């Protein structure tokens, strides 16, 4: 897990042993594609990590081989399909699910978690015009991130913060919500497809509008500096040149199409030829280091509720995620969670709301009170676009108290005026509105600049704030496990109505996924 790129102050707090345990499990899982040699002698060299330990990554015939990735000290990242490692893993896992007895509910939106005497006992699902209750011994949130909070994002349309919002409404503890990473290089065309850091790792450089390589004046590692440094440098350069994107020059990188087929397809679809000309790039929201606070096995603070992947805050990523670590973290924590659920049936909850998840420091947040400052101007009507523009402007790459206060006031007004959601899209909007409010609250509370969280009014790292912040909403149980009688749809309307509960299924049904 160790690599260059985490400067001092970039880690606000970590789950004890999280990275260490993840590294061990990462080496031992997924077919053991590589192994690391002993660290008895500490030397420097191109095949050694920053601590001097030799990293012996051995390619096996027919298996993915390690390659360089951004600020990693050695070529320790395994790739499959060129730049499609995630897709390759998802394909294998999806096929395994299809072959298994797992019941998959497609085109279904989870609207709330079901609470029974303080335990999560299932989820309420909106599907086919009906609301139904899916009852389960364990509910696992695996909903991904929240890129749709912002005007520009590399995330898919379904990244609407559903898991964080579901957990928050159930009273779960959240952590590090101010730390959301902006990827430096999204292709500056509609859809903002990602141009991986691996391209810069392979030798591509960044140029301003005048063709000058500017990162060499910003950081000793130039284009391979930490992502927050590169993203803010690009944003600053764009501001100087009237908002025009900077350019990524990959003409010196051989075999672009074969090494990066997914990116190449996106570039070609935009009518560009990056083998012959630099391509326009700009920062975009990419990965949320914060999320639902969990222990090493994915348990949240609410018994019966688990979280894995980007929705979970394990502590592995600190304040500034390092490229590719999140994929390994997702595989490791999902494996650990699955084993723990099978082992104890999802019932063992050693310490509720205790040190295993929070360290004992939890703030109960009243969002209406924290955003009560009246907005000096008329509040615009709510829309997803208006929300994204608001957060991009005031809670994006660089923040300050005045902008965050404005954002909090507008968000409070929108929440107060919003009707109860009835459609999948409206539920997503409500989740985005809640998650955005929580992010802004956390960003206001951290009066320093650390990792992906940059404050114009507090530009320095404050050693006194070198820890995670945990928060929760006031506990307001959704419902106790109900049994709902089927109600026929009203004539001439497509509004959802209550349907019969889906009683226990062959395996615990994952909750919180908007579209399976």
Protein backbone atom coordinates (compact mmCIF):
# COMPACT_ATOMS: atom_id res chain seq x y z
CA UNK A 1 0.00 0.00 0.00
CA UNK A 2 2.90 2.36 0.68
CA UNK A 3 4.03 4.68 -2.10
CA UNK A 4 5.15 8.19 -2.76
CA UNK A 5 2.39 10.74 -2.98
CA UNK A 6 1.08 11.08 0.58
CA UNK A 7 2.70 14.21 1.90
CA UNK A 8 2.79 15.00 5.57
CA UNK A 9 -0.68 15.74 6.85
CA UNK A 10 -2.53 13.79 4.18
CA UNK A 11 -3.89 11.17 6.56
CA UNK A 12 -6.43 12.49 9.05
CA UNK A 13 -6.96 9.14 10.73
CA UNK A 14 -6.96 5.47 9.86
CA UNK A 15 -8.70 2.36 11.07
CA UNK A 16 -6.04 0.60 13.19
CA UNK A 17 -4.30 -1.91 10.95
CA UNK A 18 -6.55 -1.10 7.98
CA UNK A 19 -3.88 -0.58 5.35
CA UNK A 20 -1.64 -3.19 6.87
CA UNK A 21 -4.38 -5.81 6.97
CA UNK A 22 -5.59 -4.87 3.51
CA UNK A 23 -2.10 -5.29 2.09
CA UNK A 24 -1.74 -8.73 3.58
CA UNK A 25 -5.14 -9.84 2.41
CA UNK A 26 -4.56 -8.23 -0.99
CA UNK A 27 -1.45 -10.33 -1.53
CA UNK A 28 -3.21 -13.51 -0.55
CA UNK A 29 -6.45 -13.06 -2.46
CA UNK A 30 -7.54 -13.11 -6.10
CA UNK A 31 -5.35 -16.02 -7.09
CA UNK A 32 -2.11 -14.66 -5.59
CA UNK A 33 -0.93 -13.01 -8.83
CA UNK A 34 2.22 -11.64 -7.20
CA UNK A 35 4.29 -11.88 -4.07
CA UNK A 36 6.56 -9.58 -2.20
CA UNK A 37 10.01 -10.58 -1.11
CA UNK A 38 11.51 -10.22 2.37
CA UNK A 39 12.32 -6.78 3.70
CA UNK A 40 15.52 -7.70 5.54
CA UNK A 41 17.78 -5.22 3.82
CA UNK A 42 16.67 -1.66 3.11
CA UNK A 43 18.10 -0.18 -0.05
CA UNK A 44 16.97 2.24 -2.71
CA UNK A 45 16.39 1.38 -6.33
CA UNK A 46 13.80 1.27 -9.09
CA UNK A 47 12.44 -2.08 -7.88
CA UNK A 48 12.07 -1.04 -4.25
CA UNK A 49 9.35 0.75 -2.33
CA UNK A 50 9.91 4.05 -0.51
CA UNK A 51 10.78 2.18 2.69
CA UNK A 52 13.58 0.33 0.91
CA UNK A 53 11.83 -3.04 0.91
CA UNK A 54 12.11 -4.94 -2.35
CA UNK A 55 8.80 -5.33 -4.14
CA UNK A 56 9.20 -8.48 -6.27
CA UNK A 57 6.21 -8.45 -8.57
CA UNK A 58 6.45 -11.47 -10.85
CA UNK A 59 4.50 -11.77 -14.05
CA UNK A 60 2.99 -15.17 -14.69
CA UNK A 61 2.25 -16.39 -18.21
CA UNK A 62 -1.30 -15.47 -19.21
CA UNK A 63 -1.84 -13.30 -16.13
CA UNK A 64 -1.95 -9.51 -15.81
CA UNK A 65 1.42 -7.93 -15.16
CA UNK A 66 2.32 -4.99 -12.90
CA UNK A 67 2.68 -1.55 -14.37
CA UNK A 68 3.47 2.01 -13.21
CA UNK A 69 0.71 4.21 -11.82
CA UNK A 70 1.10 7.88 -11.05
CA UNK A 71 3.06 8.53 -7.85
CA UNK A 72 3.59 4.87 -6.93
CA UNK A 73 7.26 4.29 -6.21
CA UNK A 74 7.45 1.04 -8.19
CA UNK A 75 5.43 -0.72 -10.88
CA UNK A 76 3.19 -2.56 -8.42
CA UNK A 77 -0.27 -2.10 -9.97
CA UNK A 78 -1.81 -5.01 -11.87
CA UNK A 79 -3.74 -4.17 -15.02
CA UNK A 80 -6.12 -6.26 -17.10
CA UNK A 81 -7.35 -5.39 -20.56
CA UNK A 82 -4.99 -2.44 -20.72
CA UNK A 83 -6.99 0.16 -18.78
CA UNK A 84 -10.04 -2.02 -18.04
CA UNK A 85 -9.04 -3.78 -14.81
CA UNK A 86 -12.23 -2.86 -13.01
CA UNK A 87 -14.37 -4.03 -15.91
CA UNK A 88 -12.47 -7.33 -16.03
CA UNK A 89 -13.04 -7.97 -12.32
CA UNK A 90 -16.69 -6.89 -12.53
CA UNK A 91 -17.24 -9.28 -15.42
CA UNK A 92 -15.88 -12.23 -13.45
CA UNK A 93 -17.85 -11.37 -10.33
CA UNK A 94 -21.06 -10.71 -12.24
CA UNK A 95 -20.78 -14.06 -13.97
CA UNK A 96 -20.27 -15.75 -10.60
CA UNK A 97 -23.42 -14.10 -9.24
CA UNK A 98 -25.42 -15.19 -12.27
CA UNK A 99 -24.33 -18.79 -11.71
CA UNK A 100 -25.19 -18.68 -8.00
CA UNK A 101 -28.54 -18.97 -6.17
CA UNK A 102 -28.43 -15.24 -5.38
CA UNK A 103 -31.73 -13.46 -6.09
CA UNK A 104 -31.05 -10.28 -8.06
CA UNK A 105 -33.69 -7.52 -8.16
CA UNK A 106 -33.06 -5.42 -11.24
CA UNK A 107 -34.44 -1.96 -11.95
CA UNK A 108 -35.09 -1.55 -8.23
CA UNK A 109 -34.44 1.50 -6.07
CA UNK A 110 -33.78 1.16 -2.34
CA UNK A 111 -35.59 4.02 -0.61
CA UNK A 112 -34.94 3.30 3.08
CA UNK A 113 -33.53 0.80 5.51
CA UNK A 114 -35.90 -1.09 7.81
CA UNK A 115 -35.09 -0.78 11.51
CA UNK A 116 -36.30 -3.22 14.14
CA UNK A 117 -35.39 -2.26 17.72
CA UNK A 118 -32.22 -0.52 16.58
CA UNK A 119 -31.13 -3.27 14.17
CA UNK A 120 -31.29 -3.09 10.38
CA UNK A 121 -33.67 -5.85 9.31
CA UNK A 122 -33.95 -5.21 5.58
CA UNK A 123 -34.66 -2.53 3.04
CA UNK A 124 -37.66 -0.88 1.39
CA UNK A 125 -37.47 -1.22 -2.38
CA UNK A 126 -39.28 0.65 -5.13
CA UNK A 127 -39.68 -1.64 -8.15
CA UNK A 128 -42.28 -2.07 -10.86
CA UNK A 129 -44.50 0.62 -9.40
CA UNK A 130 -44.61 -1.03 -5.98
CA UNK A 131 -42.89 -0.42 -2.69
CA UNK A 132 -41.82 -3.70 -1.16
CA UNK A 133 -39.90 -4.70 1.93
CA UNK A 134 -36.94 -7.01 1.49
CA UNK A 135 -36.25 -8.65 4.85
CA UNK A 136 -32.71 -9.85 5.60
CA UNK A 137 -30.43 -10.77 8.47
CA UNK A 138 -27.70 -8.54 7.04
CA UNK A 139 -27.82 -5.59 4.66
CA UNK A 140 -24.64 -4.67 2.79
CA UNK A 141 -24.30 -1.24 1.20
CA UNK A 142 -22.17 -1.37 -1.95
CA UNK A 143 -23.48 1.68 -3.75
CA UNK A 144 -20.30 3.40 -4.89
CA UNK A 145 -19.67 7.10 -4.71
CA UNK A 146 -21.26 10.52 -5.08
CA UNK A 147 -19.78 12.10 -8.19
CA UNK A 148 -23.20 13.33 -9.30
CA UNK A 149 -22.95 15.97 -6.55
CA UNK A 150 -20.75 17.97 -8.91
CA UNK A 151 -21.02 19.59 -12.33
CA UNK A 152 -18.09 17.57 -13.69
CA UNK A 153 -17.42 13.98 -12.65
CA UNK A 154 -15.85 10.79 -13.93
CA UNK A 155 -18.53 8.78 -12.12
CA UNK A 156 -21.50 7.09 -13.79
CA UNK A 157 -25.02 8.51 -13.58
CA UNK A 158 -25.86 6.14 -10.73
CA UNK A 159 -23.23 7.60 -8.37
CA UNK A 160 -25.83 9.55 -6.38
CA UNK A 161 -24.65 9.01 -2.79
CA UNK A 162 -27.50 6.59 -2.07
CA UNK A 163 -25.61 4.45 0.43
CA UNK A 164 -24.38 7.37 2.53
CA UNK A 165 -27.88 8.88 2.59
CA UNK A 166 -29.53 5.56 3.52
CA UNK A 167 -27.05 4.95 6.32
CA UNK A 168 -27.34 8.54 7.59
CA UNK A 169 -31.13 8.31 7.83
CA UNK A 170 -30.75 5.06 9.77
CA UNK A 171 -28.51 6.80 12.31
CA UNK A 172 -25.18 5.32 11.19
CA UNK A 173 -21.92 7.09 12.00
CA UNK A 174 -20.21 8.76 9.03
CA UNK A 175 -16.63 9.98 8.76
CA UNK A 176 -14.26 12.16 6.69
CA UNK A 177 -17.00 13.49 4.42
CA UNK A 178 -14.99 16.61 3.56
CA UNK A 179 -12.44 14.51 1.69
CA UNK A 180 -13.62 14.04 -1.89
CA UNK A 181 -10.95 13.61 -4.52
CA UNK A 182 -11.01 15.39 -7.86
CA UNK A 183 -9.21 13.55 -10.63
CA UNK A 184 -6.85 15.92 -12.44
CA UNK A 185 -7.40 14.63 -15.96
CA UNK A 186 -10.89 14.02 -17.26
CA UNK A 187 -11.29 14.49 -21.00
CA UNK A 188 -12.84 17.94 -21.41
CA UNK A 189 -15.78 16.84 -23.55
CA UNK A 190 -19.41 16.05 -22.62
CA UNK A 191 -19.47 13.11 -20.22
CA UNK A 192 -15.95 13.89 -18.92
CA UNK A 193 -14.52 10.38 -19.44
CA UNK A 194 -11.52 9.56 -17.28
CA UNK A 195 -8.01 9.80 -18.65
CA UNK A 196 -6.19 7.54 -16.22
CA UNK A 197 -3.22 8.59 -14.14
CA UNK A 198 -1.50 5.60 -15.73
CA UNK A 199 -1.14 7.67 -18.91
CA UNK A 200 0.97 10.19 -17.02
CA UNK A 201 2.77 7.31 -15.37
CA UNK A 202 3.67 6.11 -18.85
CA UNK A 203 5.20 9.48 -19.73
CA UNK A 204 2.46 11.90 -20.82
CA UNK A 205 2.91 15.55 -19.74
CA UNK A 206 0.61 18.51 -19.08
CA UNK A 207 0.81 21.70 -21.14
CA UNK A 208 -0.86 25.06 -20.73
CA UNK A 209 -2.57 26.92 -23.57
CA UNK A 210 0.79 28.23 -24.75
CA UNK A 211 2.29 24.74 -24.98
CA UNK A 212 4.40 25.15 -21.84
CA UNK A 213 4.87 22.27 -19.39
CA UNK A 214 3.78 23.92 -16.13
CA UNK A 215 3.81 21.13 -13.51
CA UNK A 216 7.62 21.17 -13.29
CA UNK A 217 7.28 24.54 -11.55
CA UNK A 218 4.62 23.29 -9.13
CA UNK A 219 5.99 20.09 -7.59
CA UNK A 220 9.25 18.09 -7.73
CA UNK A 221 7.32 15.10 -9.08
CA UNK A 222 5.71 17.26 -11.80
CA UNK A 223 2.83 15.33 -13.43
CA UNK A 224 3.23 12.51 -10.90
CA UNK A 225 2.58 14.73 -7.87
CA UNK A 226 -0.31 13.81 -5.56
CA UNK A 227 -3.67 14.14 -7.26
CA UNK A 228 -4.84 17.10 -5.19
CA UNK A 229 -1.71 19.02 -6.16
CA UNK A 230 -2.10 18.27 -9.88
CA UNK A 231 -5.85 18.96 -9.88
CA UNK A 232 -5.53 22.34 -8.19
CA UNK A 233 -2.57 23.30 -10.38
CA UNK A 234 -4.66 22.54 -13.46
CA UNK A 235 -7.62 24.50 -12.09
CA UNK A 236 -5.32 27.45 -11.35
CA UNK A 237 -3.83 27.31 -14.84
CA UNK A 238 -7.33 27.12 -16.36
CA UNK A 239 -8.36 30.22 -14.40
CA UNK A 240 -5.37 32.09 -15.79
CA UNK A 241 -6.31 31.20 -19.35
CA UNK A 242 -9.98 32.12 -19.16
CA UNK A 243 -11.29 28.72 -18.18
CA UNK A 244 -9.87 26.90 -21.16
CA UNK A 245 -8.75 23.31 -20.42
CA UNK A 246 -5.09 22.41 -20.25
CA UNK A 247 -3.61 19.85 -22.62
CA UNK A 248 -2.33 16.33 -22.00
CA UNK A 249 0.45 15.48 -24.43
CA UNK A 250 0.77 11.71 -24.81
CA UNK A 251 2.45 11.73 -28.22
CA UNK A 252 5.60 10.32 -26.67
CA UNK A 253 3.78 7.29 -25.20
CA UNK A 254 3.99 4.28 -27.53
CA UNK A 255 1.08 1.96 -28.33
CA UNK A 256 -1.64 4.17 -26.84
CA UNK A 257 -4.50 2.26 -28.45
CA UNK A 258 -3.36 -1.15 -27.20
CA UNK A 259 -2.22 -0.01 -23.75
CA UNK A 260 -5.26 2.18 -23.04
CA UNK A 261 -8.10 0.86 -25.21
CA UNK A 262 -10.94 2.33 -23.14
CA UNK A 263 -9.42 5.79 -23.06
CA UNK A 264 -8.52 5.53 -26.73
CA UNK A 265 -12.16 4.77 -27.56
CA UNK A 266 -13.31 7.84 -25.61
CA UNK A 267 -10.74 10.04 -27.30
CA UNK A 268 -11.68 8.78 -30.76
CA UNK A 269 -15.40 9.21 -30.00
CA UNK A 270 -14.66 12.89 -29.29
CA UNK A 271 -13.05 13.21 -32.71
CA UNK A 272 -9.52 13.51 -31.35
CA UNK A 273 -6.30 11.66 -32.18
CA UNK A 274 -4.06 11.69 -29.12
CA UNK A 275 -1.26 9.93 -30.93
CA UNK A 276 -0.89 13.06 -33.08
CA UNK A 277 -2.08 15.95 -30.92
CA UNK A 278 -2.46 16.90 -27.24
CA UNK A 279 -5.97 16.44 -25.85
CA UNK A 280 -7.93 18.84 -23.57
CA UNK A 281 -8.29 17.75 -19.94
CA UNK A 282 -9.73 19.26 -16.75
CA UNK A 283 -10.38 18.15 -13.14
CA UNK A 284 -13.56 16.27 -12.25
CA UNK A 285 -15.05 14.76 -9.08
CA UNK A 286 -13.76 11.21 -8.82
CA UNK A 287 -13.65 9.43 -5.45
CA UNK A 288 -15.06 10.01 -1.95
CA UNK A 289 -12.57 8.99 0.72
CA UNK A 290 -15.20 9.66 3.38
CA UNK A 291 -18.36 7.66 3.84
CA UNK A 292 -20.06 5.29 6.25
CA UNK A 293 -17.65 4.51 9.11
CA UNK A 294 -16.88 0.79 9.32
CA UNK A 295 -14.58 -1.55 11.20
CA UNK A 296 -12.08 -3.89 9.54
CA UNK A 297 -14.86 -6.30 8.56
CA UNK A 298 -17.22 -3.69 7.13
CA UNK A 299 -19.56 -3.38 10.13
CA UNK A 300 -21.15 0.03 10.53
CA UNK A 301 -22.26 1.50 13.87
CA UNK A 302 -25.80 0.16 13.30
CA UNK A 303 -26.19 -3.58 13.98
CA UNK A 304 -27.13 -5.51 10.87
CA UNK A 305 -25.75 -2.88 8.46
CA UNK A 306 -22.50 -3.38 6.56
CA UNK A 307 -20.73 -1.27 3.95
CA UNK A 308 -18.00 -2.06 1.41
CA UNK A 309 -16.31 -0.19 -1.42
CA UNK A 310 -16.44 3.55 -1.96
CA UNK A 311 -19.53 4.03 0.22
CA UNK A 312 -17.51 2.81 3.21
CA UNK A 313 -14.92 4.80 5.09
CA UNK A 314 -12.34 2.21 6.16
CA UNK A 315 -9.55 4.70 6.86
CA UNK A 316 -7.26 3.12 4.26
CA UNK A 317 -7.28 6.17 1.97
CA UNK A 318 -6.67 8.86 4.57
CA UNK A 319 -7.29 12.34 3.19
CA UNK A 320 -6.07 11.68 -0.33
CA UNK A 321 -6.60 8.30 -2.01
CA UNK A 322 -3.67 6.88 -3.94
CA UNK A 323 -4.42 5.56 -7.42
CA UNK A 324 -5.64 1.95 -7.65
CA UNK A 325 -5.75 1.33 -3.90
CA UNK A 326 -9.54 1.61 -3.87
CA UNK A 327 -10.06 -1.40 -6.13
CA UNK A 328 -7.92 -3.58 -3.87
CA UNK A 329 -9.66 -2.16 -0.79
CA UNK A 330 -13.09 -2.98 -2.24
CA UNK A 331 -12.09 -6.58 -2.97
CA UNK A 332 -10.48 -7.08 0.42
CA UNK A 333 -13.27 -5.54 2.53
CA UNK A 334 -15.98 -7.30 0.53
CA UNK A 335 -14.24 -10.62 1.13
CA UNK A 336 -13.84 -9.90 4.83
CA UNK A 337 -17.46 -8.78 5.17
CA UNK A 338 -18.78 -11.83 3.36
CA UNK A 339 -16.76 -14.17 5.54
CA UNK A 340 -17.85 -12.38 8.72
CA UNK A 341 -21.53 -12.52 7.73
CA UNK A 342 -21.30 -16.22 6.93
CA UNK A 343 -19.38 -16.93 10.13
CA UNK A 344 -21.71 -15.17 12.57
CA UNK A 345 -24.91 -14.92 10.52
CA UNK A 346 -24.69 -11.15 10.54
CA UNK A 347 -25.70 -11.00 14.22
CA UNK A 348 -22.37 -10.46 16.01
CA UNK A 349 -21.87 -6.78 16.70
CA UNK A 350 -18.98 -6.60 19.17
CA UNK A 351 -19.07 -2.86 19.94
CA UNK A 352 -21.96 -0.70 18.79
CA UNK A 353 -20.92 2.91 18.12
CA UNK A 354 -17.67 2.17 19.94
CA UNK A 355 -13.94 2.42 19.34
CA UNK A 356 -13.90 -0.28 16.66
CA UNK A 357 -15.70 2.15 14.34
CA UNK A 358 -15.46 5.66 15.75
CA UNK A 359 -12.77 5.91 18.39
CA UNK A 360 -15.50 7.24 20.68
CA UNK A 361 -15.76 10.74 19.13
CA UNK A 362 -19.10 11.36 17.39
CA UNK A 363 -20.84 14.67 16.66
CA UNK A 364 -24.62 14.67 16.36
CA UNK A 365 -25.40 17.08 13.52
CA UNK A 366 -28.52 19.21 13.17
CA UNK A 367 -28.25 20.23 9.52
CA UNK A 368 -31.13 22.69 9.75
CA UNK A 369 -29.42 24.56 12.58
CA UNK A 370 -25.96 24.47 10.97
CA UNK A 371 -27.34 25.91 7.72
CA UNK A 372 -29.74 28.35 9.33
CA UNK A 373 -27.91 31.50 8.13
CA UNK A 374 -30.35 33.20 5.72
CA UNK A 375 -29.21 33.31 2.12
CA UNK A 376 -28.74 36.99 1.14
CA UNK A 377 -30.13 36.40 -2.36
CA UNK A 378 -33.25 34.64 -3.63
CA UNK A 379 -32.81 30.89 -3.53
CA UNK A 380 -33.05 29.38 -7.02
CA UNK A 381 -35.50 26.53 -7.61
CA UNK A 382 -34.05 23.12 -6.84
CA UNK A 383 -32.79 20.96 -9.67
CA UNK A 384 -29.98 18.47 -9.87
CA UNK A 385 -28.10 20.82 -12.16
CA UNK A 386 -28.51 23.70 -9.68
CA UNK A 387 -27.22 21.45 -6.87
CA UNK A 388 -24.21 20.38 -8.92
CA UNK A 389 -23.36 23.97 -9.85
CA UNK A 390 -23.69 25.09 -6.22
CA UNK A 391 -21.33 22.42 -4.89
CA UNK A 392 -18.86 22.76 -7.75
CA UNK A 393 -18.59 26.49 -7.02
CA UNK A 394 -18.51 26.45 -3.21
CA UNK A 395 -17.43 22.93 -2.17
CA UNK A 396 -15.20 21.89 -5.07
CA UNK A 397 -11.43 21.95 -5.45
CA UNK A 398 -10.97 25.04 -3.26
CA UNK A 399 -13.31 26.17 -0.48
CA UNK A 400 -13.73 28.98 2.02
CA UNK A 401 -16.10 29.76 4.86
CA UNK A 402 -18.13 32.35 2.98
CA UNK A 403 -18.84 30.00 0.09
CA UNK A 404 -19.59 27.05 2.34
CA UNK A 405 -22.02 29.17 4.38
CA UNK A 406 -23.81 30.21 1.21
CA UNK A 407 -24.02 26.60 0.09
CA UNK A 408 -25.34 25.48 3.50
CA UNK A 409 -28.07 28.13 3.46
CA UNK A 410 -29.26 27.18 -0.02
CA UNK A 411 -29.18 23.47 0.79
CA UNK A 412 -31.21 24.07 3.96
CA UNK A 413 -33.84 25.99 1.99
CA UNK A 414 -34.04 23.24 -0.63
CA UNK A 415 -34.44 20.52 2.00
CA UNK A 416 -37.23 22.47 3.72
CA UNK A 417 -39.13 23.00 0.47
CA UNK A 418 -38.64 19.56 -1.02
CA UNK A 419 -41.66 17.24 -1.31
CA UNK A 420 -41.47 13.59 -0.29
CA UNK A 421 -39.86 11.67 -3.16
CA UNK A 422 -42.06 9.23 -5.07
CA UNK A 423 -39.98 8.23 -8.11
CA UNK A 424 -36.51 6.70 -8.42
CA UNK A 425 -35.12 9.97 -9.78
CA UNK A 426 -36.66 11.97 -6.93
CA UNK A 427 -35.18 9.56 -4.37
CA UNK A 428 -31.75 10.02 -5.96
CA UNK A 429 -32.15 13.81 -5.80
CA UNK A 430 -33.13 13.60 -2.12
CA UNK A 431 -30.07 11.45 -1.42
CA UNK A 432 -27.80 13.90 -3.23
CA UNK A 433 -29.29 16.81 -1.31
CA UNK A 434 -28.70 15.10 2.04
CA UNK A 435 -25.19 13.92 1.16
CA UNK A 436 -24.25 17.35 -0.19
CA UNK A 437 -25.45 18.97 3.02
CA UNK A 438 -23.35 16.57 5.09
CA UNK A 439 -20.28 17.19 2.93
CA UNK A 440 -20.64 20.97 3.29
CA UNK A 441 -21.05 20.67 7.07
CA UNK A 442 -17.88 18.58 7.31
CA UNK A 443 -15.95 20.97 5.06
CA UNK A 444 -16.95 23.94 7.21
CA UNK A 445 -15.82 22.15 10.36
CA UNK A 446 -12.30 21.38 9.08
CA UNK A 447 -10.57 24.75 9.26
CA UNK A 448 -7.32 23.70 7.60
CA UNK A 449 -6.12 22.37 4.25
CA UNK A 450 -5.29 18.67 4.21
CA UNK A 451 -5.13 16.25 1.30
CA UNK A 452 -8.13 16.65 -0.99
CA UNK A 453 -9.72 19.28 1.29
CA UNK A 454 -8.35 22.74 0.45
CA UNK A 455 -9.46 25.91 2.23
CA UNK A 456 -8.50 29.27 0.72
CA UNK A 457 -9.02 30.89 4.13
CA UNK A 458 -7.02 28.19 5.96
CA UNK A 459 -4.28 27.17 3.49
CA UNK A 460 -1.97 25.44 5.99
CA UNK A 461 -2.09 22.02 7.59
CA UNK A 462 -3.05 22.24 11.26
CA UNK A 463 -1.40 19.40 13.27
CA UNK A 464 -4.12 19.75 15.91
CA UNK A 465 -6.67 18.56 13.34
CA UNK A 466 -4.75 15.46 12.29
CA UNK A 467 -7.62 13.12 13.02
CA UNK A 468 -10.87 11.95 11.49
CA UNK A 469 -14.18 13.58 12.27
CA UNK A 470 -17.17 11.33 12.96
CA UNK A 471 -20.74 12.54 12.76
CA UNK A 472 -24.29 11.24 12.67
CA UNK A 473 -27.78 12.60 12.25
CA UNK A 474 -30.18 12.53 15.19
CA UNK A 475 -31.57 9.00 15.38
CA UNK A 476 -35.03 8.84 13.83
CA UNK A 477 -36.10 5.24 13.17
CA UNK A 478 -37.67 4.75 9.78
CA UNK A 479 -40.14 1.98 10.60
CA UNK A 480 -40.19 -1.18 12.63
CA UNK A 481 -40.35 -4.27 10.46
CA UNK A 482 -43.84 -4.05 8.92
CA UNK A 483 -46.00 -6.50 7.06
CA UNK A 484 -47.66 -4.64 4.22
CA UNK A 485 -50.80 -5.87 2.55
CA UNK A 486 -50.86 -5.46 -1.23
CA UNK A 487 -52.68 -2.35 -2.39
CA UNK A 488 -53.73 -2.13 -6.05
CA UNK A 489 -52.48 0.75 -8.13
CA UNK A 490 -54.91 3.60 -8.43
CA UNK A 491 -56.54 3.85 -11.82
CA UNK A 492 -54.86 6.27 -14.19
CA UNK A 493 -51.76 6.82 -12.07
CA UNK A 494 -48.23 5.47 -12.11
CA UNK A 495 -47.44 6.54 -8.54
CA UNK A 496 -45.91 3.73 -6.47
CA UNK A 497 -48.15 1.91 -4.03
CA UNK A 498 -47.34 -0.51 -1.25
CA UNK A 499 -46.83 -4.11 -2.26
CA UNK A 500 -46.35 -7.32 -0.32
CA UNK A 501 -43.09 -7.85 1.54
CA UNK A 502 -40.41 -10.02 0.02
CA UNK A 503 -39.74 -12.45 2.84
CA UNK A 504 -36.32 -14.00 3.52
CA UNK A 505 -34.40 -14.77 0.36
CA UNK A 506 -31.70 -17.46 -0.19
CA UNK A 507 -28.91 -15.07 0.81
CA UNK A 508 -28.87 -11.60 2.38
CA UNK A 509 -30.01 -9.10 -0.26
CA UNK A 510 -27.62 -6.17 -0.67
CA UNK A 511 -29.36 -2.96 0.25
CA UNK A 512 -28.81 0.56 -1.03
CA UNK A 513 -27.93 -0.20 -4.65
CA UNK A 514 -30.06 2.11 -6.82
CA UNK A 515 -29.92 0.05 -10.00
CA UNK A 516 -28.73 -3.56 -9.86
